[in-house]
Amino acid sequence: MGYKVTVDHNKCNGDGECVDICPVGVYELQEGKSSPINADECLGCESCIEVCPTSAITVEDQ
């Protein structure tokens, strides 16, 4: 079972908190916004959701 990770770029402020907190390196900053470049690695821990100040991230079961 995997997870679908999405970032709403309209909400993302590009602070990189999700990049720093993710234990498996799902996110990378691209053009000042977070992008889930390694979404297949997501563990579903939702740490990224907790640290995102703009609620731009969703993690859903697939």
Protein backbone atom coordinates (compact mmCIF):
# COMPACT_ATOMS: atom_id res chain seq x y z
CA MET A 1 0.00 0.00 0.00
CA GLY A 2 1.26 3.45 -0.87
CA TYR A 3 0.34 7.04 -0.30
CA LYS A 4 -0.68 9.84 -2.63
CA VAL A 5 1.20 13.00 -1.68
CA THR A 6 0.10 16.34 -3.08
CA VAL A 7 1.19 19.92 -2.50
CA ASP A 8 -1.11 22.82 -3.32
CA HIS A 9 1.37 25.27 -4.87
CA ASN A 10 -1.12 28.09 -4.42
CA LYS A 11 -0.87 27.60 -0.65
CA CYS A 12 2.81 26.60 -0.35
CA ASN A 13 5.00 29.38 1.03
CA GLY A 14 8.25 27.56 0.23
CA ASP A 15 9.65 27.62 3.77
CA GLY A 16 11.01 24.07 3.37
CA GLU A 17 9.77 22.73 6.70
CA CYS A 18 8.43 19.61 4.98
CA VAL A 19 11.77 19.08 3.24
CA ASP A 20 13.57 19.22 6.59
CA ILE A 21 11.14 17.04 8.58
CA CYS A 22 10.52 14.21 6.10
CA PRO A 23 12.48 11.12 7.24
CA VAL A 24 12.65 9.63 3.72
CA GLY A 25 13.22 12.71 1.55
CA VAL A 26 9.89 12.89 -0.24
CA TYR A 27 10.09 16.66 -0.82
CA GLU A 28 12.41 19.00 -2.65
CA LEU A 29 12.11 22.74 -3.19
CA GLN A 30 11.67 23.54 -6.87
CA GLU A 31 11.18 27.11 -8.04
CA GLY A 32 10.49 28.20 -4.46
CA LYS A 33 7.76 25.62 -3.82
CA SER A 34 7.76 22.16 -2.28
CA SER A 35 7.37 19.25 -4.68
CA PRO A 36 6.87 15.59 -3.71
CA ILE A 37 9.58 14.26 -6.02
CA ASN A 38 9.91 10.94 -4.17
CA ALA A 39 6.24 10.36 -3.29
CA ASP A 40 6.69 6.59 -3.66
CA GLU A 41 8.92 6.68 -0.57
CA CYS A 42 6.22 8.21 1.67
CA LEU A 43 5.71 6.34 4.96
CA GLY A 44 2.41 8.06 5.75
CA CYS A 45 3.74 9.52 9.01
CA GLU A 46 2.17 12.91 8.19
CA SER A 47 5.00 14.87 9.85
CA CYS A 48 4.96 17.14 6.81
CA ILE A 49 1.30 17.96 7.37
CA GLU A 50 1.97 18.85 11.00
CA VAL A 51 4.79 21.31 10.19
CA CYS A 52 3.19 22.95 7.15
CA PRO A 53 1.97 26.39 8.30
CA THR A 54 -0.29 26.86 5.27
CA SER A 55 -1.95 23.40 5.15
CA ALA A 56 -0.70 22.92 1.60
CA ILE A 57 0.07 19.19 1.92
CA THR A 58 -2.26 16.21 1.75
CA VAL A 59 -1.30 12.57 2.23
CA GLU A 60 -3.92 10.00 1.27
CA ASP A 61 -3.98 6.20 1.18
CA GLN A 62 -3.93 4.77 -2.32
